[in-house]
Amino acid sequence: MAVKIEKKITGFNIVKANEKLLDAATKPVKKEKTHLQMSESVKRPESLTGETYKIKPPQAEHALYVTINDIVLNEGTEHEVRRPFEIFLSSKNMEHFQWTIALTLIISAVFRKGGDVTFLVEELRSVFDPNGGYLRRGGKYVPSLVSEIGDVIEKHLKKIGMLPQDDLDETQKLYIAAKRQELDERQQPSNDTSNSFPLESQLCVKCSTKAMVRMDNCLTCLNCGYSKCG
């Protein structure tokens, strides 16, 4: 390949082929700075930041406490992220001791492996109790205690930014507020403080909350805004 010389030649030197190779080999290579990803090679630091969530099924004598600890990767850089590192399940109810210990070990191992761990939410939610589920505070139907652990993990992953928030927009919030006010004016307040929705509400197929009422000849959910009329 021809090279055009733009400047005046003031001197020259002959470089042998082996000298050129030696120079290339001894020249330091500039490494690109990479950011740390969550994997099994990441060591646990002395302290972790975490959240503890309480689960209390209506038929259970004791509550179950779910603690999820997170690790901060690439702290102080533009690549800083917070990722779940371990989970602990604890309860005074010794009936659940074996399977809570098993879930603690398995879920923690999945967290430390890294990658997309959001699949755990749907996997746990798909577990149904053969004795039947329950309605938790707020009217949402939960098919099992394991399923509610999945809900807790989803809530935590949303909090640290691994899952998107699915909040209602302002139009939906105003619509639901107007419908609830209209319904409140038509009926007496309920003495049931565990559910803020009317007693005759039906179960919503979208958010699994007992909050669907017939408004304007159409079933509408007062929790998420879902309507069978579109």
Protein backbone atom coordinates (compact mmCIF):
# COMPACT_ATOMS: atom_id res chain seq x y z
CA MET A 1 0.00 0.00 0.00
CA ALA A 2 1.39 3.39 -1.03
CA VAL A 3 1.79 6.05 1.66
CA LYS A 4 1.89 9.73 0.70
CA ILE A 5 4.53 11.74 2.61
CA GLU A 6 3.26 15.24 3.38
CA LYS A 7 6.34 16.59 5.25
CA LYS A 8 9.97 17.09 4.29
CA ILE A 9 12.23 14.07 5.00
CA THR A 10 15.06 15.05 7.38
CA GLY A 11 16.37 11.57 8.16
CA PHE A 12 15.60 7.88 8.06
CA ASN A 13 16.36 4.63 9.85
CA ILE A 14 15.99 1.00 8.78
CA VAL A 15 14.01 -1.19 11.15
CA LYS A 16 14.40 -4.91 10.83
CA ALA A 17 11.32 -7.16 10.88
CA ASN A 18 12.31 -8.93 14.13
CA GLU A 19 12.85 -5.58 15.88
CA LYS A 20 9.34 -4.47 14.85
CA LEU A 21 7.83 -7.66 16.31
CA LEU A 22 9.80 -7.25 19.55
CA ASP A 23 8.59 -3.67 19.92
CA ALA A 24 4.96 -4.74 19.44
CA ALA A 25 5.33 -7.54 22.00
CA THR A 26 6.86 -5.34 24.73
CA LYS A 27 4.47 -2.42 24.26
CA PRO A 28 1.88 -2.38 27.06
CA VAL A 29 -1.67 -3.16 25.92
CA LYS A 30 -4.33 -0.78 27.12
CA LYS A 31 -7.17 -2.78 28.67
CA GLU A 32 -10.75 -1.65 28.36
CA LYS A 33 -12.45 -1.07 31.68
CA THR A 34 -15.30 -3.56 32.18
CA HIS A 35 -18.11 -3.42 34.72
CA LEU A 36 -18.80 -6.26 37.13
CA GLN A 37 -21.75 -8.55 36.43
CA MET A 38 -23.59 -10.70 38.98
CA SER A 39 -22.20 -14.25 38.93
CA GLU A 40 -21.15 -17.08 41.25
CA SER A 41 -17.63 -15.63 41.34
CA VAL A 42 -18.81 -12.49 43.18
CA LYS A 43 -17.80 -12.79 46.82
CA ARG A 44 -20.19 -11.90 49.62
CA PRO A 45 -19.12 -8.68 51.40
CA GLU A 46 -19.18 -8.32 55.18
CA SER A 47 -22.50 -6.48 55.14
CA LEU A 48 -25.45 -6.32 52.73
CA THR A 49 -28.46 -4.04 52.38
CA GLY A 50 -31.82 -5.77 52.66
CA GLU A 51 -35.57 -5.58 53.20
CA THR A 52 -37.83 -7.75 55.36
CA TYR A 53 -41.44 -8.42 54.36
CA LYS A 54 -44.19 -9.92 56.52
CA ILE A 55 -46.64 -12.54 55.20
CA LYS A 56 -49.62 -13.40 57.43
CA PRO A 57 -52.21 -15.73 55.89
CA PRO A 58 -55.60 -15.36 57.65
CA GLN A 59 -55.70 -19.03 58.69
CA ALA A 60 -52.09 -19.13 59.98
CA GLU A 61 -51.25 -18.70 63.67
CA HIS A 62 -47.78 -17.26 63.00
CA ALA A 63 -46.48 -14.92 60.30
CA LEU A 64 -43.74 -15.75 57.81
CA TYR A 65 -40.95 -13.19 57.41
CA VAL A 66 -39.12 -12.90 54.08
CA THR A 67 -35.74 -11.12 54.11
CA ILE A 68 -34.00 -10.34 50.81
CA ASN A 69 -30.43 -8.99 50.95
CA ASP A 70 -28.92 -7.14 47.98
CA ILE A 71 -25.38 -6.51 46.77
CA VAL A 72 -24.35 -3.26 45.06
CA LEU A 73 -22.14 -3.82 42.01
CA ASN A 74 -19.86 -1.14 40.48
CA GLU A 75 -20.68 1.25 43.30
CA GLY A 76 -20.03 4.90 42.52
CA THR A 77 -19.89 4.39 38.74
CA GLU A 78 -22.37 4.85 35.92
CA HIS A 79 -22.82 1.05 35.90
CA GLU A 80 -23.91 0.84 39.56
CA VAL A 81 -26.71 -1.70 40.04
CA ARG A 82 -28.39 -3.36 43.00
CA ARG A 83 -28.95 -7.09 42.67
CA PRO A 84 -30.52 -9.69 45.04
CA PHE A 85 -27.88 -11.88 46.65
CA GLU A 86 -29.66 -14.04 49.22
CA ILE A 87 -33.06 -14.71 50.79
CA PHE A 88 -34.11 -15.91 54.26
CA LEU A 89 -37.51 -17.30 55.28
CA SER A 90 -38.28 -17.50 58.99
CA SER A 91 -41.35 -18.31 61.06
CA LYS A 92 -42.30 -19.65 64.50
CA ASN A 93 -44.40 -22.26 62.70
CA MET A 94 -42.15 -25.34 62.60
CA GLU A 95 -44.59 -27.07 60.25
CA HIS A 96 -43.01 -25.16 57.34
CA PHE A 97 -39.40 -25.60 58.50
CA GLN A 98 -38.19 -28.09 55.87
CA TRP A 99 -39.58 -26.45 52.75
CA THR A 100 -38.68 -22.91 53.87
CA ILE A 101 -35.05 -24.00 54.36
CA ALA A 102 -35.11 -25.66 50.93
CA LEU A 103 -36.52 -22.53 49.26
CA THR A 104 -33.94 -20.37 51.06
CA LEU A 105 -31.04 -22.42 49.64
CA ILE A 106 -32.44 -22.79 46.10
CA ILE A 107 -33.57 -19.17 45.59
CA SER A 108 -30.31 -17.80 47.08
CA ALA A 109 -28.33 -20.00 44.65
CA VAL A 110 -30.36 -18.65 41.71
CA PHE A 111 -29.77 -15.06 42.89
CA ARG A 112 -25.99 -15.58 43.09
CA LYS A 113 -25.84 -17.23 39.67
CA GLY A 114 -26.93 -13.93 38.12
CA GLY A 115 -28.68 -13.31 34.83
CA ASP A 116 -32.44 -12.90 34.58
CA VAL A 117 -33.85 -14.10 37.90
CA THR A 118 -37.31 -12.60 37.35
CA PHE A 119 -38.63 -15.99 36.19
CA LEU A 120 -38.79 -17.00 39.87
CA VAL A 121 -41.87 -14.82 40.33
CA GLU A 122 -44.06 -16.77 37.90
CA GLU A 123 -42.62 -20.12 38.94
CA LEU A 124 -43.58 -19.55 42.59
CA ARG A 125 -46.94 -18.06 41.67
CA SER A 126 -47.86 -21.23 39.79
CA VAL A 127 -47.87 -23.25 43.05
CA PHE A 128 -51.42 -23.96 44.28
CA ASP A 129 -52.37 -25.23 47.73
CA PRO A 130 -54.55 -28.38 47.43
CA ASN A 131 -56.51 -27.15 50.47
CA GLY A 132 -57.34 -23.90 48.69
CA GLY A 133 -55.93 -20.39 48.70
CA TYR A 134 -57.01 -17.29 50.61
CA LEU A 135 -57.85 -13.63 50.23
CA ARG A 136 -55.15 -11.45 51.75
CA ARG A 137 -55.66 -7.93 53.06
CA GLY A 138 -56.87 -5.73 50.21
CA GLY A 139 -58.93 -8.51 48.62
CA LYS A 140 -56.32 -10.13 46.39
CA TYR A 141 -56.68 -13.88 45.97
CA VAL A 142 -53.52 -15.89 46.73
CA PRO A 143 -53.49 -19.57 45.65
CA SER A 144 -50.84 -20.59 48.22
CA LEU A 145 -48.26 -19.35 50.73
CA VAL A 146 -45.50 -20.13 48.22
CA SER A 147 -47.34 -18.01 45.66
CA GLU A 148 -47.32 -15.05 48.05
CA ILE A 149 -43.56 -15.45 48.46
CA GLY A 150 -43.44 -14.98 44.67
CA ASP A 151 -45.44 -11.76 45.08
CA VAL A 152 -42.94 -10.53 47.67
CA ILE A 153 -39.99 -11.25 45.35
CA GLU A 154 -41.77 -9.37 42.55
CA LYS A 155 -42.35 -6.38 44.85
CA HIS A 156 -38.66 -6.37 45.82
CA LEU A 157 -37.41 -6.69 42.22
CA LYS A 158 -39.58 -3.71 41.26
CA LYS A 159 -38.14 -1.73 44.17
CA ILE A 160 -34.53 -2.28 43.03
CA GLY A 161 -35.31 -1.71 39.34
CA MET A 162 -35.09 -5.26 37.97
CA LEU A 163 -38.79 -5.23 37.04
CA PRO A 164 -40.75 -2.26 35.68
CA GLN A 165 -43.37 -0.57 37.82
CA ASP A 166 -46.91 -1.12 36.53
CA ASP A 167 -48.55 1.86 38.18
CA LEU A 168 -51.78 3.19 36.72
CA ASP A 169 -51.59 6.39 34.69
CA GLU A 170 -53.40 9.53 35.84
CA THR A 171 -56.44 8.90 33.60
CA GLN A 172 -56.96 5.41 35.03
CA LYS A 173 -56.52 6.67 38.60
CA LEU A 174 -59.12 9.41 38.09
CA TYR A 175 -61.54 6.94 36.46
CA ILE A 176 -61.24 4.42 39.32
CA ALA A 177 -61.54 7.16 41.97
CA ALA A 178 -64.72 8.47 40.32
CA LYS A 179 -66.24 4.98 40.15
CA ARG A 180 -65.42 4.25 43.79
CA GLN A 181 -66.89 7.54 44.92
CA GLU A 182 -70.03 6.87 42.89
CA LEU A 183 -70.35 3.43 44.47
CA ASP A 184 -69.74 4.74 47.99
CA GLU A 185 -72.60 7.19 47.58
CA ARG A 186 -74.97 4.35 46.66
CA GLN A 187 -74.26 2.02 49.57
CA GLN A 188 -73.56 1.99 53.31
CA PRO A 189 -69.92 1.59 54.38
CA SER A 190 -68.87 -1.95 55.20
CA ASN A 191 -67.69 -3.04 58.63
CA ASP A 192 -65.12 -5.33 57.01
CA THR A 193 -61.79 -3.50 57.34
CA SER A 194 -59.77 -6.25 55.66
CA ASN A 195 -61.14 -5.35 52.23
CA SER A 196 -61.63 -1.80 51.00
CA PHE A 197 -63.84 -2.98 48.12
CA PRO A 198 -67.60 -3.73 48.20
CA LEU A 199 -68.67 -7.09 49.62
CA GLU A 200 -70.41 -8.10 46.38
CA SER A 201 -67.20 -7.57 44.38
CA GLN A 202 -66.06 -10.36 42.06
CA LEU A 203 -62.53 -11.64 41.51
CA CYS A 204 -60.63 -9.73 38.81
CA VAL A 205 -59.03 -12.02 36.22
CA LYS A 206 -56.19 -9.54 35.65
CA CYS A 207 -54.96 -8.57 39.15
CA SER A 208 -56.58 -11.44 41.16
CA THR A 209 -58.23 -8.93 43.50
CA LYS A 210 -61.85 -9.21 44.62
CA ALA A 211 -62.67 -5.76 43.32
CA MET A 212 -64.81 -6.15 40.18
CA VAL A 213 -68.24 -4.50 40.41
CA ARG A 214 -70.94 -3.84 37.83
CA MET A 215 -70.86 -0.19 36.80
CA ASP A 216 -72.80 1.14 33.80
CA ASN A 217 -73.84 -2.44 32.94
CA CYS A 218 -70.19 -3.51 32.72
CA LEU A 219 -67.91 -5.34 35.16
CA THR A 220 -65.04 -3.00 36.12
CA CYS A 221 -62.14 -3.61 38.53
CA LEU A 222 -61.79 -0.89 41.16
CA ASN A 223 -58.19 -1.95 41.84
CA CYS A 224 -56.48 -2.08 38.42
CA GLY A 225 -59.08 -0.54 36.10
CA TYR A 226 -59.62 -3.69 33.99
CA SER A 227 -63.00 -3.81 32.28
CA LYS A 228 -64.71 -6.59 30.34
CA CYS A 229 -66.12 -3.93 28.02
CA GLY A 230 -62.65 -2.84 26.91
